[in-house]
N, C-alpha and C. Protein backbone atom coordinates (compact mmCIF):
# COMPACT_ATOMS: atom_id res chain seq x y z
N MET A 1 26.32 113.25 -79.52
CA MET A 1 27.74 113.28 -79.74
C MET A 1 28.21 114.72 -79.77
N GLY A 2 28.31 115.33 -78.64
CA GLY A 2 28.80 116.70 -78.58
C GLY A 2 27.90 117.67 -79.29
N ASN A 3 28.47 118.55 -80.06
CA ASN A 3 27.73 119.59 -80.78
C ASN A 3 27.37 119.18 -82.21
N LEU A 4 27.62 117.95 -82.59
CA LEU A 4 27.29 117.53 -83.95
C LEU A 4 25.79 117.28 -84.05
N ASN A 5 25.14 118.12 -84.83
CA ASN A 5 23.71 118.00 -85.06
C ASN A 5 23.45 118.39 -86.50
N PHE A 6 23.44 117.40 -87.36
CA PHE A 6 23.32 117.67 -88.79
C PHE A 6 21.92 118.14 -89.18
N ALA A 7 20.93 117.88 -88.33
CA ALA A 7 19.57 118.31 -88.64
C ALA A 7 19.40 119.81 -88.45
N HIS A 8 20.05 120.39 -87.44
CA HIS A 8 19.84 121.80 -87.14
C HIS A 8 21.03 122.68 -87.51
N ASN A 9 22.23 122.18 -87.34
CA ASN A 9 23.44 122.96 -87.64
C ASN A 9 24.38 122.14 -88.51
N ALA A 10 23.95 121.85 -89.71
CA ALA A 10 24.75 121.00 -90.60
C ALA A 10 26.07 121.67 -90.98
N GLY A 11 26.06 122.97 -91.22
CA GLY A 11 27.29 123.67 -91.60
C GLY A 11 28.32 123.62 -90.50
N PHE A 12 27.90 123.89 -89.27
CA PHE A 12 28.80 123.84 -88.14
C PHE A 12 29.31 122.42 -87.91
N SER A 13 28.43 121.45 -88.03
CA SER A 13 28.83 120.05 -87.82
C SER A 13 29.85 119.60 -88.86
N TRP A 14 29.61 119.94 -90.12
CA TRP A 14 30.56 119.58 -91.16
C TRP A 14 31.88 120.32 -90.98
N TYR A 15 31.81 121.56 -90.53
CA TYR A 15 33.04 122.33 -90.29
C TYR A 15 33.88 121.64 -89.22
N CYS A 16 33.25 121.19 -88.15
CA CYS A 16 33.99 120.52 -87.07
C CYS A 16 34.65 119.24 -87.58
N ILE A 17 33.91 118.45 -88.33
CA ILE A 17 34.44 117.19 -88.84
C ILE A 17 35.57 117.45 -89.83
N LEU A 18 35.36 118.36 -90.77
CA LEU A 18 36.40 118.65 -91.76
C LEU A 18 37.63 119.29 -91.13
N LEU A 19 37.43 120.06 -90.07
CA LEU A 19 38.57 120.65 -89.37
C LEU A 19 39.43 119.56 -88.74
N MET A 20 38.79 118.58 -88.11
CA MET A 20 39.55 117.48 -87.51
C MET A 20 40.20 116.61 -88.58
N LEU A 21 39.51 116.35 -89.68
CA LEU A 21 40.10 115.56 -90.77
C LEU A 21 41.29 116.28 -91.40
N SER A 22 41.18 117.60 -91.55
CA SER A 22 42.30 118.38 -92.09
C SER A 22 43.51 118.28 -91.16
N GLY A 23 43.26 118.35 -89.87
CA GLY A 23 44.34 118.22 -88.90
C GLY A 23 45.02 116.87 -88.97
N ILE A 24 44.22 115.82 -89.06
CA ILE A 24 44.79 114.46 -89.16
C ILE A 24 45.60 114.32 -90.45
N ALA A 25 45.07 114.84 -91.56
CA ALA A 25 45.78 114.76 -92.84
C ALA A 25 47.12 115.49 -92.77
N MET A 26 47.15 116.65 -92.13
CA MET A 26 48.40 117.39 -92.04
C MET A 26 49.41 116.69 -91.15
N VAL A 27 48.95 116.05 -90.09
CA VAL A 27 49.88 115.31 -89.23
C VAL A 27 50.45 114.12 -89.99
N VAL A 28 49.61 113.41 -90.74
CA VAL A 28 50.07 112.26 -91.51
C VAL A 28 51.10 112.70 -92.55
N ILE A 29 50.82 113.79 -93.24
CA ILE A 29 51.77 114.29 -94.24
C ILE A 29 53.05 114.77 -93.57
N GLY A 30 52.93 115.35 -92.40
CA GLY A 30 54.10 115.82 -91.68
C GLY A 30 55.00 114.70 -91.20
N VAL A 31 54.47 113.51 -91.05
CA VAL A 31 55.26 112.38 -90.59
C VAL A 31 56.10 111.77 -91.72
N LEU A 32 55.75 112.06 -92.97
CA LEU A 32 56.49 111.51 -94.10
C LEU A 32 57.95 111.94 -94.04
N ARG A 33 58.84 111.06 -94.43
CA ARG A 33 60.28 111.29 -94.28
C ARG A 33 60.90 112.13 -95.39
N ASN A 34 60.32 112.21 -96.55
CA ASN A 34 60.96 112.85 -97.71
C ASN A 34 60.76 114.36 -97.74
N GLN A 35 60.84 115.01 -96.58
CA GLN A 35 60.60 116.44 -96.52
C GLN A 35 61.62 117.10 -95.60
N PRO A 36 61.86 118.38 -95.79
CA PRO A 36 62.75 119.09 -94.86
C PRO A 36 62.16 119.10 -93.45
N SER A 37 63.02 119.08 -92.46
CA SER A 37 62.59 118.97 -91.06
C SER A 37 61.72 120.15 -90.62
N ALA A 38 62.06 121.35 -91.05
CA ALA A 38 61.28 122.51 -90.62
C ALA A 38 59.84 122.43 -91.13
N ARG A 39 59.66 121.98 -92.36
CA ARG A 39 58.31 121.84 -92.90
C ARG A 39 57.54 120.74 -92.18
N ARG A 40 58.23 119.67 -91.86
CA ARG A 40 57.57 118.57 -91.15
C ARG A 40 57.05 119.04 -89.80
N VAL A 41 57.90 119.76 -89.07
CA VAL A 41 57.51 120.24 -87.74
C VAL A 41 56.35 121.22 -87.85
N LEU A 42 56.41 122.15 -88.80
CA LEU A 42 55.34 123.13 -88.99
C LEU A 42 54.02 122.43 -89.34
N ARG A 43 54.08 121.45 -90.22
CA ARG A 43 52.86 120.73 -90.61
C ARG A 43 52.26 119.96 -89.44
N ILE A 44 53.11 119.36 -88.65
CA ILE A 44 52.60 118.61 -87.50
C ILE A 44 51.98 119.56 -86.47
N ILE A 45 52.62 120.69 -86.23
CA ILE A 45 52.07 121.65 -85.27
C ILE A 45 50.73 122.20 -85.76
N LEU A 46 50.65 122.59 -87.04
CA LEU A 46 49.39 123.09 -87.58
C LEU A 46 48.32 122.00 -87.57
N GLY A 47 48.69 120.78 -87.90
CA GLY A 47 47.72 119.68 -87.90
C GLY A 47 47.17 119.42 -86.51
N ILE A 48 48.03 119.43 -85.52
CA ILE A 48 47.57 119.23 -84.14
C ILE A 48 46.66 120.39 -83.72
N GLY A 49 47.03 121.61 -84.12
CA GLY A 49 46.20 122.77 -83.80
C GLY A 49 44.82 122.67 -84.43
N TYR A 50 44.75 122.30 -85.71
CA TYR A 50 43.46 122.15 -86.39
C TYR A 50 42.62 121.07 -85.71
N PHE A 51 43.25 119.94 -85.43
CA PHE A 51 42.51 118.85 -84.81
C PHE A 51 41.99 119.26 -83.43
N CYS A 52 42.83 119.90 -82.64
CA CYS A 52 42.42 120.31 -81.29
C CYS A 52 41.28 121.32 -81.34
N TYR A 53 41.33 122.27 -82.28
CA TYR A 53 40.25 123.25 -82.39
C TYR A 53 38.95 122.57 -82.82
N GLY A 54 39.04 121.63 -83.77
CA GLY A 54 37.85 120.88 -84.17
C GLY A 54 37.30 120.05 -83.03
N PHE A 55 38.18 119.43 -82.26
CA PHE A 55 37.76 118.65 -81.09
C PHE A 55 37.08 119.55 -80.06
N TYR A 56 37.67 120.72 -79.82
CA TYR A 56 37.08 121.67 -78.89
C TYR A 56 35.68 122.08 -79.33
N LEU A 57 35.54 122.44 -80.62
CA LEU A 57 34.22 122.86 -81.11
C LEU A 57 33.21 121.72 -81.04
N THR A 58 33.66 120.50 -81.27
CA THR A 58 32.74 119.37 -81.28
C THR A 58 32.31 118.95 -79.89
N PHE A 59 33.24 118.88 -78.96
CA PHE A 59 32.92 118.26 -77.68
C PHE A 59 32.91 119.21 -76.48
N LEU A 60 33.57 120.36 -76.54
CA LEU A 60 33.68 121.22 -75.37
C LEU A 60 32.98 122.57 -75.53
N PHE A 61 32.73 123.00 -76.74
CA PHE A 61 32.14 124.30 -77.03
C PHE A 61 30.70 124.33 -76.52
N THR A 62 30.34 125.40 -75.77
CA THR A 62 28.99 125.48 -75.19
C THR A 62 28.13 126.54 -75.86
N GLY A 63 28.62 127.17 -76.88
CA GLY A 63 27.84 128.18 -77.59
C GLY A 63 28.53 129.52 -77.56
N GLY A 64 28.05 130.40 -78.38
CA GLY A 64 28.66 131.73 -78.47
C GLY A 64 29.31 131.91 -79.82
N HIS A 65 30.46 132.57 -79.83
CA HIS A 65 31.16 132.86 -81.08
C HIS A 65 32.28 131.85 -81.31
N TYR A 66 32.52 131.55 -82.56
CA TYR A 66 33.65 130.71 -82.95
C TYR A 66 34.24 131.26 -84.24
N PHE A 67 35.51 130.94 -84.45
CA PHE A 67 36.20 131.42 -85.65
C PHE A 67 36.07 130.38 -86.76
N LEU A 68 35.75 130.86 -87.94
CA LEU A 68 35.65 129.99 -89.11
C LEU A 68 36.91 130.21 -89.94
N PHE A 69 37.83 129.25 -89.88
CA PHE A 69 39.09 129.34 -90.60
C PHE A 69 38.94 128.70 -91.98
N LEU A 70 38.87 129.51 -93.01
CA LEU A 70 38.82 128.94 -94.36
C LEU A 70 40.16 128.34 -94.72
N ALA A 71 41.22 128.81 -94.08
CA ALA A 71 42.55 128.25 -94.32
C ALA A 71 42.62 126.79 -93.90
N ALA A 72 41.70 126.37 -93.05
CA ALA A 72 41.68 124.98 -92.61
C ALA A 72 41.43 124.03 -93.77
N PHE A 73 40.87 124.53 -94.84
CA PHE A 73 40.61 123.69 -96.01
C PHE A 73 41.59 123.96 -97.14
N ILE A 74 42.17 125.13 -97.17
CA ILE A 74 43.12 125.49 -98.22
C ILE A 74 44.51 124.98 -97.89
N VAL A 75 44.94 125.13 -96.65
CA VAL A 75 46.29 124.75 -96.25
C VAL A 75 46.58 123.26 -96.47
N PRO A 76 45.69 122.33 -96.11
CA PRO A 76 46.00 120.92 -96.37
C PRO A 76 46.21 120.62 -97.86
N VAL A 77 45.46 121.26 -98.72
CA VAL A 77 45.64 121.05 -100.17
C VAL A 77 47.02 121.56 -100.58
N LEU A 78 47.40 122.74 -100.09
CA LEU A 78 48.72 123.28 -100.41
C LEU A 78 49.83 122.41 -99.84
N VAL A 79 49.61 121.83 -98.67
CA VAL A 79 50.61 120.94 -98.06
C VAL A 79 50.78 119.69 -98.90
N ILE A 80 49.68 119.12 -99.39
CA ILE A 80 49.76 117.93 -100.24
C ILE A 80 50.51 118.25 -101.52
N VAL A 81 50.20 119.38 -102.15
CA VAL A 81 50.89 119.77 -103.39
C VAL A 81 52.38 119.96 -103.12
N ASP A 82 52.72 120.62 -102.02
CA ASP A 82 54.13 120.84 -101.68
C ASP A 82 54.85 119.52 -101.40
N ALA A 83 54.18 118.60 -100.71
CA ALA A 83 54.81 117.30 -100.41
C ALA A 83 55.07 116.52 -101.69
N VAL A 84 54.15 116.56 -102.64
CA VAL A 84 54.34 115.86 -103.91
C VAL A 84 55.48 116.50 -104.70
N ARG A 85 55.52 117.83 -104.72
CA ARG A 85 56.61 118.51 -105.43
C ARG A 85 57.96 118.23 -104.80
N THR A 86 58.02 118.25 -103.49
CA THR A 86 59.28 117.97 -102.79
C THR A 86 59.75 116.56 -103.08
N ASN A 87 58.83 115.61 -103.06
CA ASN A 87 59.17 114.22 -103.34
C ASN A 87 59.66 114.07 -104.78
N ALA A 88 59.00 114.71 -105.73
CA ALA A 88 59.41 114.61 -107.13
C ALA A 88 60.78 115.24 -107.34
N THR A 89 61.04 116.36 -106.68
CA THR A 89 62.35 117.02 -106.80
C THR A 89 63.46 116.14 -106.24
N ARG A 90 63.20 115.52 -105.12
CA ARG A 90 64.22 114.64 -104.53
C ARG A 90 64.44 113.39 -105.38
N GLN A 91 63.40 112.88 -105.99
CA GLN A 91 63.55 111.72 -106.88
C GLN A 91 64.41 112.08 -108.08
N ARG A 92 64.18 113.27 -108.66
CA ARG A 92 64.98 113.70 -109.80
C ARG A 92 66.43 113.89 -109.39
N ALA A 93 66.66 114.44 -108.21
CA ALA A 93 68.04 114.66 -107.74
C ALA A 93 68.74 113.32 -107.52
N ARG A 94 68.06 112.34 -106.97
CA ARG A 94 68.64 111.01 -106.77
C ARG A 94 68.96 110.35 -108.10
N SER A 95 68.05 110.49 -109.04
CA SER A 95 68.25 109.90 -110.36
C SER A 95 69.43 110.54 -111.07
N ALA A 96 69.58 111.84 -110.95
CA ALA A 96 70.70 112.55 -111.58
C ALA A 96 72.01 112.18 -110.89
N ALA A 97 71.98 111.97 -109.59
CA ALA A 97 73.19 111.61 -108.86
C ALA A 97 73.69 110.21 -109.25
N ARG A 98 72.76 109.34 -109.60
CA ARG A 98 73.15 107.99 -110.03
C ARG A 98 73.65 107.98 -111.46
N GLY A 99 73.45 109.08 -112.16
CA GLY A 99 73.95 109.16 -113.53
C GLY A 99 72.95 108.69 -114.57
N GLY A 100 71.74 108.49 -114.19
CA GLY A 100 70.73 108.04 -115.16
C GLY A 100 69.49 108.89 -115.06
N GLY A 101 68.58 108.59 -115.89
CA GLY A 101 67.29 109.24 -115.85
C GLY A 101 67.26 110.63 -116.47
N GLY A 102 68.30 111.00 -117.19
CA GLY A 102 68.32 112.31 -117.81
C GLY A 102 67.42 112.35 -119.02
N TYR A 103 67.06 113.54 -119.45
CA TYR A 103 66.22 113.69 -120.63
C TYR A 103 67.12 113.81 -121.85
N TYR A 104 66.73 113.16 -122.92
CA TYR A 104 67.52 113.18 -124.16
C TYR A 104 66.79 113.94 -125.24
């Protein structure tokens, strides 16, 4: 299956898989509706880029040098945190607009 060889290059193989999973996660989060449009577009573009690079390393890469992006693992976590915060902020704003849900 391409360059995935957990017996000899486990680190590289896991990097390829996690890179593609990070890309998929960012695209899924980018599709959510409760976010500003600019953030959604940026997340989808970055997610597609991560997935494509992981796909390239897994199936098309023939050897040589490759870039190890540590941001590929940090950025999805930050995107999830930002999506949760954005959703919570919008929920509070909706609740305040309805006239309820205030703190006493």
